[in-house]
Amino acid sequence: MEHQTEKAFQKQAGIFQNSKDAKKRNQRWFKEVGNGFKTPKEAKVGTYIDKKCPFVGEVNIQGRILTGVVVSTKMNRTLVVRRDYLHYIPKYNRYEKRHSNVSAHVSPAFDNQAIQV
C-alpha cells in the first residue's frame, strides 16, 4: 500500500479491493481519453490514485486543454501556467500585452522531468 500517503483512504471507484481471487486483487481501471492523447504506461501499470487524473480518474479533458508557459511547479500535483495575450484598446487603435496565471492539475502519470520551468 505504498500509494496511501494522504490522510483519507485512497481507492479507485468501481474496484473491489477485498477479492479472494489473487488475480482480481491488483486490478486497475484506466481509460483512453481521446483527442489524440495516448494513455501513459504509468497510468496503466502504476499504483498511484488520483481522482483528478484524466486517465484513471473521473475527469473529462474535452475543452480543458491549456497552452502556455510553465512558471512554477512548487505545489503538490499542481503547476502554474502563464498565458500571454493581446488586449485591444479601441480608443488608441492598438493592442497591449497582458498575461494571466492559471493553476493546472498535473497527473502523477506524467514524468516530472518532461515539465520544464
PDB file of N, CA and C in Angstrom:
ATOM      1  N   MET A   1       0.825  -1.187   0.000  1.00  0.00           N
ATOM      2  CA  MET A   1       0.000   0.000   0.000  1.00  0.00           C
ATOM      3  C   MET A   1       0.867   1.248   0.000  1.00  0.00           C
ATOM      4  N   GLU A   2       1.829   1.314  -0.912  1.00  0.00           N
ATOM      5  CA  GLU A   2       2.716   2.464  -0.956  1.00  0.00           C
ATOM      6  C   GLU A   2       2.034   3.705  -1.502  1.00  0.00           C
ATOM      7  N   HIS A   3       0.851   3.569  -2.106  1.00  0.00           N
ATOM      8  CA  HIS A   3       0.171   4.737  -2.640  1.00  0.00           C
ATOM      9  C   HIS A   3      -0.718   5.416  -1.602  1.00  0.00           C
ATOM     10  N   GLN A   4      -0.747   4.933  -0.375  1.00  0.00           N
ATOM     11  CA  GLN A   4      -1.549   5.550   0.686  1.00  0.00           C
ATOM     12  C   GLN A   4      -0.699   6.584   1.424  1.00  0.00           C
ATOM     13  N   THR A   5      -0.636   7.788   0.890  1.00  0.00           N
ATOM     14  CA  THR A   5       0.149   8.854   1.505  1.00  0.00           C
ATOM     15  C   THR A   5      -0.727   9.984   2.023  1.00  0.00           C
ATOM     16  N   GLU A   6      -2.014   9.959   1.747  1.00  0.00           N
ATOM     17  CA  GLU A   6      -2.929  11.012   2.185  1.00  0.00           C
ATOM     18  C   GLU A   6      -3.603  10.603   3.487  1.00  0.00           C
ATOM     19  N   LYS A   7      -4.300  11.547   4.112  1.00  0.00           N
ATOM     20  CA  LYS A   7      -4.999  11.248   5.361  1.00  0.00           C
ATOM     21  C   LYS A   7      -6.197  10.336   5.128  1.00  0.00           C
ATOM     22  N   ALA A   8      -6.913  10.545   4.043  1.00  0.00           N
ATOM     23  CA  ALA A   8      -8.062   9.713   3.722  1.00  0.00           C
ATOM     24  C   ALA A   8      -7.606   8.502   2.911  1.00  0.00           C
ATOM     25  N   PHE A   9      -8.347   7.403   3.023  1.00  0.00           N
ATOM     26  CA  PHE A   9      -8.010   6.188   2.287  1.00  0.00           C
ATOM     27  C   PHE A   9      -8.259   6.421   0.804  1.00  0.00           C
ATOM     28  N   GLN A  10      -7.255   6.149  -0.015  1.00  0.00           N
ATOM     29  CA  GLN A  10      -7.333   6.376  -1.450  1.00  0.00           C
ATOM     30  C   GLN A  10      -7.670   5.071  -2.153  1.00  0.00           C
ATOM     31  N   LYS A  11      -8.723   5.103  -2.987  1.00  0.00           N
ATOM     32  CA  LYS A  11      -9.066   3.932  -3.781  1.00  0.00           C
ATOM     33  C   LYS A  11      -9.747   4.385  -5.057  1.00  0.00           C
ATOM     34  N   GLN A  12      -9.674   3.517  -6.051  1.00  0.00           N
ATOM     35  CA  GLN A  12     -10.342   3.810  -7.306  1.00  0.00           C
ATOM     36  C   GLN A  12     -11.809   3.421  -7.194  1.00  0.00           C
ATOM     37  N   ALA A  13     -12.671   4.265  -7.720  1.00  0.00           N
ATOM     38  CA  ALA A  13     -14.100   3.975  -7.701  1.00  0.00           C
ATOM     39  C   ALA A  13     -14.385   2.796  -8.626  1.00  0.00           C
ATOM     40  N   GLY A  14     -15.222   1.888  -8.177  1.00  0.00           N
ATOM     41  CA  GLY A  14     -15.613   0.750  -9.000  1.00  0.00           C
ATOM     42  C   GLY A  14     -14.688  -0.443  -8.934  1.00  0.00           C
ATOM     43  N   ILE A  15     -13.636  -0.394  -8.142  1.00  0.00           N
ATOM     44  CA  ILE A  15     -12.711  -1.522  -7.996  1.00  0.00           C
ATOM     45  C   ILE A  15     -12.893  -2.111  -6.604  1.00  0.00           C
ATOM     46  N   PHE A  16     -13.297  -3.382  -6.550  1.00  0.00           N
ATOM     47  CA  PHE A  16     -13.459  -4.075  -5.271  1.00  0.00           C
ATOM     48  C   PHE A  16     -12.095  -4.568  -4.821  1.00  0.00           C
ATOM     49  N   GLN A  17     -11.673  -4.175  -3.617  1.00  0.00           N
ATOM     50  CA  GLN A  17     -10.313  -4.443  -3.171  1.00  0.00           C
ATOM     51  C   GLN A  17     -10.166  -5.681  -2.305  1.00  0.00           C
ATOM     52  N   ASN A  18     -11.257  -6.280  -1.845  1.00  0.00           N
ATOM     53  CA  ASN A  18     -11.169  -7.412  -0.929  1.00  0.00           C
ATOM     54  C   ASN A  18     -11.515  -8.724  -1.604  1.00  0.00           C
ATOM     55  N   SER A  19     -11.126  -8.878  -2.840  1.00  0.00           N
ATOM     56  CA  SER A  19     -11.418 -10.094  -3.580  1.00  0.00           C
ATOM     57  C   SER A  19     -10.593 -11.256  -3.048  1.00  0.00           C
ATOM     58  N   LYS A  20     -11.201 -12.441  -3.031  1.00  0.00           N
ATOM     59  CA  LYS A  20     -10.488 -13.638  -2.587  1.00  0.00           C
ATOM     60  C   LYS A  20      -9.533 -14.144  -3.672  1.00  0.00           C
ATOM     61  N   ASP A  21      -9.850 -13.816  -4.920  1.00  0.00           N
ATOM     62  CA  ASP A  21      -9.028 -14.248  -6.046  1.00  0.00           C
ATOM     63  C   ASP A  21      -7.818 -13.320  -6.169  1.00  0.00           C
ATOM     64  N   ALA A  22      -6.627 -13.889  -6.212  1.00  0.00           N
ATOM     65  CA  ALA A  22      -5.397 -13.087  -6.263  1.00  0.00           C
ATOM     66  C   ALA A  22      -5.272 -12.330  -7.582  1.00  0.00           C
ATOM     67  N   LYS A  23      -5.844 -12.873  -8.668  1.00  0.00           N
ATOM     68  CA  LYS A  23      -5.751 -12.197  -9.962  1.00  0.00           C
ATOM     69  C   LYS A  23      -6.579 -10.910  -9.983  1.00  0.00           C
ATOM     70  N   LYS A  24      -7.702 -10.920  -9.311  1.00  0.00           N
ATOM     71  CA  LYS A  24      -8.570  -9.750  -9.305  1.00  0.00           C
ATOM     72  C   LYS A  24      -8.144  -8.718  -8.270  1.00  0.00           C
ATOM     73  N   ARG A  25      -7.258  -9.069  -7.372  1.00  0.00           N
ATOM     74  CA  ARG A  25      -6.890  -8.181  -6.275  1.00  0.00           C
ATOM     75  C   ARG A  25      -6.116  -6.958  -6.761  1.00  0.00           C
ATOM     76  N   ASN A  26      -5.303  -7.101  -7.780  1.00  0.00           N
ATOM     77  CA  ASN A  26      -4.469  -5.999  -8.259  1.00  0.00           C
ATOM     78  C   ASN A  26      -5.011  -5.388  -9.546  1.00  0.00           C
ATOM     79  N   GLN A  27      -6.319  -5.312  -9.658  1.00  0.00           N
ATOM     80  CA  GLN A  27      -6.905  -4.701 -10.841  1.00  0.00           C
ATOM     81  C   GLN A  27      -6.703  -3.193 -10.809  1.00  0.00           C
ATOM     82  N   ARG A  28      -6.635  -2.619 -11.993  1.00  0.00           N
ATOM     83  CA  ARG A  28      -6.500  -1.165 -12.104  1.00  0.00           C
ATOM     84  C   ARG A  28      -7.375  -0.704 -13.258  1.00  0.00           C
ATOM     85  N   TRP A  29      -8.168   0.315 -13.006  1.00  0.00           N
ATOM     86  CA  TRP A  29      -9.050   0.861 -14.022  1.00  0.00           C
ATOM     87  C   TRP A  29      -8.384   2.064 -14.677  1.00  0.00           C
ATOM     88  N   PHE A  30      -8.388   2.096 -16.011  1.00  0.00           N
ATOM     89  CA  PHE A  30      -7.886   3.250 -16.758  1.00  0.00           C
ATOM     90  C   PHE A  30      -8.706   3.386 -18.025  1.00  0.00           C
ATOM     91  N   LYS A  31      -8.572   4.536 -18.683  1.00  0.00           N
ATOM     92  CA  LYS A  31      -9.370   4.777 -19.883  1.00  0.00           C
ATOM     93  C   LYS A  31      -8.551   5.514 -20.925  1.00  0.00           C
ATOM     94  N   GLU A  32      -9.022   5.455 -22.144  1.00  0.00           N
ATOM     95  CA  GLU A  32      -8.460   6.225 -23.248  1.00  0.00           C
ATOM     96  C   GLU A  32      -9.214   7.553 -23.297  1.00  0.00           C
ATOM     97  N   VAL A  33      -8.495   8.664 -23.188  1.00  0.00           N
ATOM     98  CA  VAL A  33      -9.160   9.966 -23.119  1.00  0.00           C
ATOM     99  C   VAL A  33      -9.498  10.526 -24.490  1.00  0.00           C
ATOM    100  N   GLY A  34      -8.879  10.021 -25.554  1.00  0.00           N
ATOM    101  CA  GLY A  34      -9.169  10.512 -26.893  1.00  0.00           C
ATOM    102  C   GLY A  34      -8.438  11.812 -27.191  1.00  0.00           C
ATOM    103  N   ASN A  35      -8.915  12.539 -28.191  1.00  0.00           N
ATOM    104  CA  ASN A  35      -8.345  13.824 -28.621  1.00  0.00           C
ATOM    105  C   ASN A  35      -6.876  13.699 -29.012  1.00  0.00           C
ATOM    106  N   GLY A  36      -6.414  12.520 -29.401  1.00  0.00           N
ATOM    107  CA  GLY A  36      -5.028  12.337 -29.814  1.00  0.00           C
ATOM    108  C   GLY A  36      -4.063  12.086 -28.675  1.00  0.00           C
ATOM    109  N   PHE A  37      -4.541  11.937 -27.442  1.00  0.00           N
ATOM    110  CA  PHE A  37      -3.680  11.670 -26.293  1.00  0.00           C
ATOM    111  C   PHE A  37      -3.664  10.176 -26.013  1.00  0.00           C
ATOM    112  N   LYS A  38      -2.469   9.625 -25.881  1.00  0.00           N
ATOM    113  CA  LYS A  38      -2.332   8.212 -25.556  1.00  0.00           C
ATOM    114  C   LYS A  38      -2.182   8.050 -24.048  1.00  0.00           C
ATOM    115  N   THR A  39      -2.720   6.973 -23.519  1.00  0.00           N
ATOM    116  CA  THR A  39      -2.629   6.711 -22.085  1.00  0.00           C
ATOM    117  C   THR A  39      -1.203   6.316 -21.739  1.00  0.00           C
ATOM    118  N   PRO A  40      -0.555   7.009 -20.786  1.00  0.00           N
ATOM    119  CA  PRO A  40       0.824   6.668 -20.417  1.00  0.00           C
ATOM    120  C   PRO A  40       0.904   5.295 -19.761  1.00  0.00           C
ATOM    121  N   LYS A  41       2.072   4.687 -19.855  1.00  0.00           N
ATOM    122  CA  LYS A  41       2.284   3.374 -19.253  1.00  0.00           C
ATOM    123  C   LYS A  41       2.129   3.435 -17.739  1.00  0.00           C
ATOM    124  N   GLU A  42       2.562   4.546 -17.134  1.00  0.00           N
ATOM    125  CA  GLU A  42       2.447   4.704 -15.678  1.00  0.00           C
ATOM    126  C   GLU A  42       0.981   4.671 -15.235  1.00  0.00           C
ATOM    127  N   ALA A  43       0.073   5.164 -16.075  1.00  0.00           N
ATOM    128  CA  ALA A  43      -1.347   5.134 -15.731  1.00  0.00           C
ATOM    129  C   ALA A  43      -1.901   3.715 -15.803  1.00  0.00           C
ATOM    130  N   LYS A  44      -1.346   2.888 -16.678  1.00  0.00           N
ATOM    131  CA  LYS A  44      -1.842   1.519 -16.834  1.00  0.00           C
ATOM    132  C   LYS A  44      -1.311   0.576 -15.765  1.00  0.00           C
ATOM    133  N   VAL A  45      -0.030   0.700 -15.431  1.00  0.00           N
ATOM    134  CA  VAL A  45       0.587  -0.263 -14.507  1.00  0.00           C
ATOM    135  C   VAL A  45       1.002   0.365 -13.187  1.00  0.00           C
ATOM    136  N   GLY A  46       0.827   1.662 -13.017  1.00  0.00           N
ATOM    137  CA  GLY A  46       1.259   2.339 -11.796  1.00  0.00           C
ATOM    138  C   GLY A  46       0.362   2.031 -10.610  1.00  0.00           C
ATOM    139  N   THR A  47       0.759   2.540  -9.451  1.00  0.00           N
ATOM    140  CA  THR A  47      -0.012   2.307  -8.230  1.00  0.00           C
ATOM    141  C   THR A  47      -0.604   3.588  -7.665  1.00  0.00           C
ATOM    142  N   TYR A  48      -0.404   4.720  -8.327  1.00  0.00           N
ATOM    143  CA  TYR A  48      -0.929   5.968  -7.790  1.00  0.00           C
ATOM    144  C   TYR A  48      -2.445   6.013  -7.956  1.00  0.00           C
ATOM    145  N   ILE A  49      -3.088   6.795  -7.103  1.00  0.00           N
ATOM    146  CA  ILE A  49      -4.531   7.000  -7.177  1.00  0.00           C
ATOM    147  C   ILE A  49      -4.771   8.502  -7.182  1.00  0.00           C
ATOM    148  N   ASP A  50      -5.427   8.982  -8.230  1.00  0.00           N
ATOM    149  CA  ASP A  50      -5.680  10.409  -8.375  1.00  0.00           C
ATOM    150  C   ASP A  50      -7.039  10.583  -9.039  1.00  0.00           C
ATOM    151  N   LYS A  51      -8.007  11.097  -8.296  1.00  0.00           N
ATOM    152  CA  LYS A  51      -9.350  11.233  -8.857  1.00  0.00           C
ATOM    153  C   LYS A  51      -9.438  12.347  -9.893  1.00  0.00           C
ATOM    154  N   LYS A  52      -8.437  13.227  -9.961  1.00  0.00           N
ATOM    155  CA  LYS A  52      -8.423  14.302 -10.953  1.00  0.00           C
ATOM    156  C   LYS A  52      -7.578  13.962 -12.172  1.00  0.00           C
ATOM    157  N   CYS A  53      -7.030  12.762 -12.223  1.00  0.00           N
ATOM    158  CA  CYS A  53      -6.238  12.333 -13.373  1.00  0.00           C
ATOM    159  C   CYS A  53      -7.181  11.989 -14.527  1.00  0.00           C
ATOM    160  N   PRO A  54      -6.919  12.456 -15.739  1.00  0.00           N
ATOM    161  CA  PRO A  54      -7.814  12.137 -16.849  1.00  0.00           C
ATOM    162  C   PRO A  54      -7.736  10.679 -17.292  1.00  0.00           C
ATOM    163  N   PHE A  55      -6.706   9.946 -16.895  1.00  0.00           N
ATOM    164  CA  PHE A  55      -6.533   8.566 -17.334  1.00  0.00           C
ATOM    165  C   PHE A  55      -7.106   7.554 -16.346  1.00  0.00           C
ATOM    166  N   VAL A  56      -7.010   7.806 -15.049  1.00  0.00           N
ATOM    167  CA  VAL A  56      -7.506   6.854 -14.045  1.00  0.00           C
ATOM    168  C   VAL A  56      -8.563   7.477 -13.144  1.00  0.00           C
ATOM    169  N   GLY A  57      -8.950   8.723 -13.392  1.00  0.00           N
ATOM    170  CA  GLY A  57      -9.946   9.396 -12.566  1.00  0.00           C
ATOM    171  C   GLY A  57     -11.237   9.626 -13.325  1.00  0.00           C
ATOM    172  N   GLU A  58     -12.070  10.476 -12.757  1.00  0.00           N
ATOM    173  CA  GLU A  58     -13.392  10.737 -13.322  1.00  0.00           C
ATOM    174  C   GLU A  58     -13.457  12.102 -14.009  1.00  0.00           C
ATOM    175  N   VAL A  59     -12.362  12.542 -14.615  1.00  0.00           N
ATOM    176  CA  VAL A  59     -12.302  13.871 -15.217  1.00  0.00           C
ATOM    177  C   VAL A  59     -12.370  13.753 -16.736  1.00  0.00           C
ATOM    178  N   ASN A  60     -13.131  14.634 -17.354  1.00  0.00           N
ATOM    179  CA  ASN A  60     -13.197  14.719 -18.803  1.00  0.00           C
ATOM    180  C   ASN A  60     -12.319  15.886 -19.243  1.00  0.00           C
ATOM    181  N   ILE A  61     -11.419  15.663 -20.202  1.00  0.00           N
ATOM    182  CA  ILE A  61     -10.491  16.719 -20.610  1.00  0.00           C
ATOM    183  C   ILE A  61     -10.969  17.494 -21.825  1.00  0.00           C
ATOM    184  N   GLN A  62     -12.082  17.099 -22.404  1.00  0.00           N
ATOM    185  CA  GLN A  62     -12.544  17.772 -23.607  1.00  0.00           C
ATOM    186  C   GLN A  62     -12.912  19.220 -23.290  1.00  0.00           C
ATOM    187  N   GLY A  63     -12.267  20.161 -23.963  1.00  0.00           N
ATOM    188  CA  GLY A  63     -12.497  21.577 -23.733  1.00  0.00           C
ATOM    189  C   GLY A  63     -11.694  22.149 -22.584  1.00  0.00           C
ATOM    190  N   ARG A  64     -10.767  21.384 -22.008  1.00  0.00           N
ATOM    191  CA  ARG A  64      -9.989  21.841 -20.860  1.00  0.00           C
ATOM    192  C   ARG A  64      -8.485  21.752 -21.102  1.00  0.00           C
ATOM    193  N   ILE A  65      -8.057  21.813 -22.336  1.00  0.00           N
ATOM    194  CA  ILE A  65      -6.643  21.730 -22.679  1.00  0.00           C
ATOM    195  C   ILE A  65      -6.053  23.139 -22.644  1.00  0.00           C
ATOM    196  N   LEU A  66      -4.942  23.318 -21.913  1.00  0.00           N
ATOM    197  CA  LEU A  66      -4.286  24.615 -21.787  1.00  0.00           C
ATOM    198  C   LEU A  66      -2.994  24.643 -22.587  1.00  0.00           C
ATOM    199  N   THR A  67      -2.677  25.809 -23.132  1.00  0.00           N
ATOM    200  CA  THR A  67      -1.368  26.039 -23.726  1.00  0.00           C
ATOM    201  C   THR A  67      -0.778  27.272 -23.072  1.00  0.00           C
ATOM    202  N   GLY A  68       0.503  27.231 -22.822  1.00  0.00           N
ATOM    203  CA  GLY A  68       1.170  28.353 -22.179  1.00  0.00           C
ATOM    204  C   GLY A  68       2.549  27.945 -21.715  1.00  0.00           C
ATOM    205  N   VAL A  69       3.151  28.796 -20.902  1.00  0.00           N
ATOM    206  CA  VAL A  69       4.500  28.570 -20.386  1.00  0.00           C
ATOM    207  C   VAL A  69       4.391  28.201 -18.914  1.00  0.00           C
ATOM    208  N   VAL A  70       5.068  27.121 -18.515  1.00  0.00           N
ATOM    209  CA  VAL A  70       5.061  26.705 -17.116  1.00  0.00           C
ATOM    210  C   VAL A  70       5.925  27.666 -16.313  1.00  0.00           C
ATOM    211  N   VAL A  71       5.339  28.261 -15.270  1.00  0.00           N
ATOM    212  CA  VAL A  71       6.038  29.232 -14.437  1.00  0.00           C
ATOM    213  C   VAL A  71       6.534  28.587 -13.153  1.00  0.00           C
ATOM    214  N   SER A  72       5.713  27.740 -12.531  1.00  0.00           N
ATOM    215  CA  SER A  72       6.065  27.183 -11.232  1.00  0.00           C
ATOM    216  C   SER A  72       5.528  25.763 -11.104  1.00  0.00           C
ATOM    217  N   THR A  73       6.310  24.911 -10.448  1.00  0.00           N
ATOM    218  CA  THR A  73       5.882  23.539 -10.153  1.00  0.00           C
ATOM    219  C   THR A  73       6.052  23.249  -8.670  1.00  0.00           C
ATOM    220  N   LYS A  74       5.909  24.253  -7.825  1.00  0.00           N
ATOM    221  CA  LYS A  74       6.188  24.104  -6.400  1.00  0.00           C
ATOM    222  C   LYS A  74       5.059  23.431  -5.625  1.00  0.00           C
ATOM    223  N   MET A  75       3.842  23.479  -6.136  1.00  0.00           N
ATOM    224  CA  MET A  75       2.719  22.884  -5.420  1.00  0.00           C
ATOM    225  C   MET A  75       2.639  21.390  -5.692  1.00  0.00           C
ATOM    226  N   ASN A  76       1.971  20.678  -4.815  1.00  0.00           N
ATOM    227  CA  ASN A  76       1.814  19.236  -4.943  1.00  0.00           C
ATOM    228  C   ASN A  76       0.789  18.927  -6.037  1.00  0.00           C
ATOM    229  N   ARG A  77       1.226  18.235  -7.095  1.00  0.00           N
ATOM    230  CA  ARG A  77       0.386  17.841  -8.224  1.00  0.00           C
ATOM    231  C   ARG A  77      -0.264  19.034  -8.931  1.00  0.00           C
ATOM    232  N   THR A  78       0.335  20.200  -8.832  1.00  0.00           N
ATOM    233  CA  THR A  78      -0.218  21.405  -9.455  1.00  0.00           C
ATOM    234  C   THR A  78       0.914  22.236 -10.031  1.00  0.00           C
ATOM    235  N   LEU A  79       0.662  22.859 -11.158  1.00  0.00           N
ATOM    236  CA  LEU A  79       1.633  23.796 -11.710  1.00  0.00           C
ATOM    237  C   LEU A  79       0.919  25.073 -12.114  1.00  0.00           C
ATOM    238  N   VAL A  80       1.704  26.125 -12.330  1.00  0.00           N
ATOM    239  CA  VAL A  80       1.164  27.422 -12.731  1.00  0.00           C
ATOM    240  C   VAL A  80       1.567  27.662 -14.178  1.00  0.00           C
ATOM    241  N   VAL A  81       0.578  27.960 -15.013  1.00  0.00           N
ATOM    242  CA  VAL A  81       0.795  28.198 -16.438  1.00  0.00           C
ATOM    243  C   VAL A  81       0.542  29.674 -16.719  1.00  0.00           C
ATOM    244  N   ARG A  82       1.504  30.337 -17.360  1.00  0.00           N
ATOM    245  CA  ARG A  82       1.353  31.745 -17.744  1.00  0.00           C
ATOM    246  C   ARG A  82       0.839  31.792 -19.174  1.00  0.00           C
ATOM    247  N   ARG A  83      -0.273  32.495 -19.370  1.00  0.00           N
ATOM    248  CA  ARG A  83      -0.872  32.630 -20.690  1.00  0.00           C
ATOM    249  C   ARG A  83      -0.794  34.093 -21.110  1.00  0.00           C
ATOM    250  N   ASP A  84      -0.025  34.374 -22.158  1.00  0.00           N
ATOM    251  CA  ASP A  84       0.121  35.729 -22.684  1.00  0.00           C
ATOM    252  C   ASP A  84      -0.916  35.960 -23.783  1.00  0.00           C
ATOM    253  N   TYR A  85      -1.475  37.177 -23.796  1.00  0.00           N
ATOM    254  CA  TYR A  85      -2.437  37.519 -24.836  1.00  0.00           C
ATOM    255  C   TYR A  85      -2.397  39.024 -25.078  1.00  0.00           C
ATOM    256  N   LEU A  86      -3.029  39.463 -26.149  1.00  0.00           N
ATOM    257  CA  LEU A  86      -3.098  40.876 -26.506  1.00  0.00           C
ATOM    258  C   LEU A  86      -4.523  41.376 -26.282  1.00  0.00           C
ATOM    259  N   HIS A  87      -4.639  42.551 -25.655  1.00  0.00           N
ATOM    260  CA  HIS A  87      -5.937  43.170 -25.407  1.00  0.00           C
ATOM    261  C   HIS A  87      -6.049  44.424 -26.268  1.00  0.00           C
ATOM    262  N   TYR A  88      -7.145  44.537 -26.999  1.00  0.00           N
ATOM    263  CA  TYR A  88      -7.335  45.654 -27.928  1.00  0.00           C
ATOM    264  C   TYR A  88      -7.925  46.860 -27.201  1.00  0.00           C
ATOM    265  N   ILE A  89      -7.328  48.053 -27.435  1.00  0.00           N
ATOM    266  CA  ILE A  89      -7.828  49.321 -26.902  1.00  0.00           C
ATOM    267  C   ILE A  89      -8.397  50.112 -28.082  1.00  0.00           C
ATOM    268  N   PRO A  90      -9.719  50.223 -28.192  1.00  0.00           N
ATOM    269  CA  PRO A  90     -10.295  50.878 -29.380  1.00  0.00           C
ATOM    270  C   PRO A  90      -9.973  52.371 -29.486  1.00  0.00           C
ATOM    271  N   LYS A  91      -9.827  53.039 -28.364  1.00  0.00           N
ATOM    272  CA  LYS A  91      -9.562  54.483 -28.394  1.00  0.00           C
ATOM    273  C   LYS A  91      -8.260  54.800 -29.117  1.00  0.00           C
ATOM    274  N   TYR A  92      -7.241  53.987 -28.865  1.00  0.00           N
ATOM    275  CA  TYR A  92      -5.931  54.212 -29.469  1.00  0.00           C
ATOM    276  C   TYR A  92      -5.664  53.307 -30.666  1.00  0.00           C
ATOM    277  N   ASN A  93      -6.596  52.441 -30.968  1.00  0.00           N
ATOM    278  CA  ASN A  93      -6.482  51.519 -32.100  1.00  0.00           C
ATOM    279  C   ASN A  93      -5.198  50.689 -32.008  1.00  0.00           C
ATOM    280  N   ARG A  94      -4.900  50.248 -30.790  1.00  0.00           N
ATOM    281  CA  ARG A  94      -3.684  49.479 -30.545  1.00  0.00           C
ATOM    282  C   ARG A  94      -3.978  48.332 -29.587  1.00  0.00           C
ATOM    283  N   TYR A  95      -2.970  47.480 -29.468  1.00  0.00           N
ATOM    284  CA  TYR A  95      -3.059  46.347 -28.550  1.00  0.00           C
ATOM    285  C   TYR A  95      -2.075  46.543 -27.399  1.00  0.00           C
ATOM    286  N   GLU A  96      -2.410  45.992 -26.246  1.00  0.00           N
ATOM    287  CA  GLU A  96      -1.477  45.972 -25.126  1.00  0.00           C
ATOM    288  C   GLU A  96      -1.270  44.525 -24.695  1.00  0.00           C
ATOM    289  N   LYS A  97      -0.059  44.245 -24.224  1.00  0.00           N
ATOM    290  CA  LYS A  97       0.249  42.900 -23.762  1.00  0.00           C
ATOM    291  C   LYS A  97      -0.329  42.693 -22.371  1.00  0.00           C
ATOM    292  N   ARG A  98      -0.934  41.544 -22.169  1.00  0.00           N
ATOM    293  CA  ARG A  98      -1.428  41.153 -20.858  1.00  0.00           C
ATOM    294  C   ARG A  98      -1.089  39.685 -20.641  1.00  0.00           C
ATOM    295  N   HIS A  99      -1.178  39.266 -19.385  1.00  0.00           N
ATOM    296  CA  HIS A  99      -0.977  37.851 -19.090  1.00  0.00           C
ATOM    297  C   HIS A  99      -1.883  37.454 -17.934  1.00  0.00           C
ATOM    298  N   SER A 100      -2.107  36.173 -17.824  1.00  0.00           N
ATOM    299  CA  SER A 100      -2.850  35.629 -16.692  1.00  0.00           C
ATOM    300  C   SER A 100      -2.176  34.332 -16.278  1.00  0.00           C
ATOM    301  N   ASN A 101      -2.130  34.093 -14.978  1.00  0.00           N
ATOM    302  CA  ASN A 101      -1.593  32.847 -14.446  1.00  0.00           C
ATOM    303  C   ASN A 101      -2.751  31.912 -14.121  1.00  0.00           C
ATOM    304  N   VAL A 102      -2.646  30.676 -14.585  1.00  0.00           N
ATOM    305  CA  VAL A 102      -3.690  29.687 -14.378  1.00  0.00           C
ATOM    306  C   VAL A 102      -3.070  28.487 -13.681  1.00  0.00           C
ATOM    307  N   SER A 103      -3.702  28.034 -12.607  1.00  0.00           N
ATOM    308  CA  SER A 103      -3.246  26.820 -11.936  1.00  0.00           C
ATOM    309  C   SER A 103      -3.842  25.619 -12.650  1.00  0.00           C
ATOM    310  N   ALA A 104      -3.022  24.605 -12.873  1.00  0.00           N
ATOM    311  CA  ALA A 104      -3.474  23.412 -13.581  1.00  0.00           C
ATOM    312  C   ALA A 104      -3.002  22.172 -12.836  1.00  0.00           C
ATOM    313  N   HIS A 105      -3.832  21.146 -12.857  1.00  0.00           N
ATOM    314  CA  HIS A 105      -3.501  19.892 -12.185  1.00  0.00           C
ATOM    315  C   HIS A 105      -2.546  19.080 -13.058  1.00  0.00           C
ATOM    316  N   VAL A 106      -1.564  18.445 -12.422  1.00  0.00           N
ATOM    317  CA  VAL A 106      -0.625  17.573 -13.123  1.00  0.00           C
ATOM    318  C   VAL A 106      -0.799  16.170 -12.572  1.00  0.00           C
ATOM    319  N   SER A 107      -1.130  15.252 -13.445  1.00  0.00           N
ATOM    320  CA  SER A 107      -1.314  13.869 -13.024  1.00  0.00           C
ATOM    321  C   SER A 107       0.036  13.225 -12.714  1.00  0.00           C
ATOM    322  N   PRO A 108       0.096  12.324 -11.733  1.00  0.00           N
ATOM    323  CA  PRO A 108       1.342  11.597 -11.471  1.00  0.00           C
ATOM    324  C   PRO A 108       1.755  10.686 -12.626  1.00  0.00           C
ATOM    325  N   ALA A 109       0.872  10.488 -13.608  1.00  0.00           N
ATOM    326  CA  ALA A 109       1.223   9.663 -14.760  1.00  0.00           C
ATOM    327  C   ALA A 109       2.287  10.329 -15.616  1.00  0.00           C
ATOM    328  N   PHE A 110       2.374  11.650 -15.558  1.00  0.00           N
ATOM    329  CA  PHE A 110       3.359  12.368 -16.348  1.00  0.00           C
ATOM    330  C   PHE A 110       4.676  12.432 -15.604  1.00  0.00           C
ATOM    331  N   ASP A 111       5.755  12.296 -16.336  1.00  0.00           N
ATOM    332  CA  ASP A 111       7.088  12.358 -15.750  1.00  0.00           C
ATOM    333  C   ASP A 111       7.410  13.808 -15.412  1.00  0.00           C
ATOM    334  N   ASN A 112       7.936  14.048 -14.215  1.00  0.00           N
ATOM    335  CA  ASN A 112       8.231  15.417 -13.796  1.00  0.00           C
ATOM    336  C   ASN A 112       9.357  16.041 -14.606  1.00  0.00           C
ATOM    337  N   GLN A 113      10.247  15.242 -15.194  1.00  0.00           N
ATOM    338  CA  GLN A 113      11.324  15.807 -15.986  1.00  0.00           C
ATOM    339  C   GLN A 113      10.805  16.370 -17.304  1.00  0.00           C
ATOM    340  N   ALA A 114       9.649  15.927 -17.767  1.00  0.00           N
ATOM    341  CA  ALA A 114       9.111  16.439 -19.019  1.00  0.00           C
ATOM    342  C   ALA A 114       8.556  17.849 -18.851  1.00  0.00           C
ATOM    343  N   ILE A 115       8.249  18.234 -17.615  1.00  0.00           N
ATOM    344  CA  ILE A 115       7.726  19.564 -17.341  1.00  0.00           C
ATOM    345  C   ILE A 115       8.894  20.458 -16.982  1.00  0.00           C
ATOM    346  N   GLN A 116       9.184  21.427 -17.824  1.00  0.00           N
ATOM    347  CA  GLN A 116      10.321  22.308 -17.596  1.00  0.00           C
ATOM    348  C   GLN A 116       9.835  23.674 -17.157  1.00  0.00           C
ATOM    349  N   VAL A 117      10.566  24.275 -16.221  1.00  0.00           N
ATOM    350  CA  VAL A 117      10.206  25.601 -15.722  1.00  0.00           C
ATOM    351  C   VAL A 117      10.871  26.649 -16.583  1.00  0.00           C
TER     352      VAL A 117
END
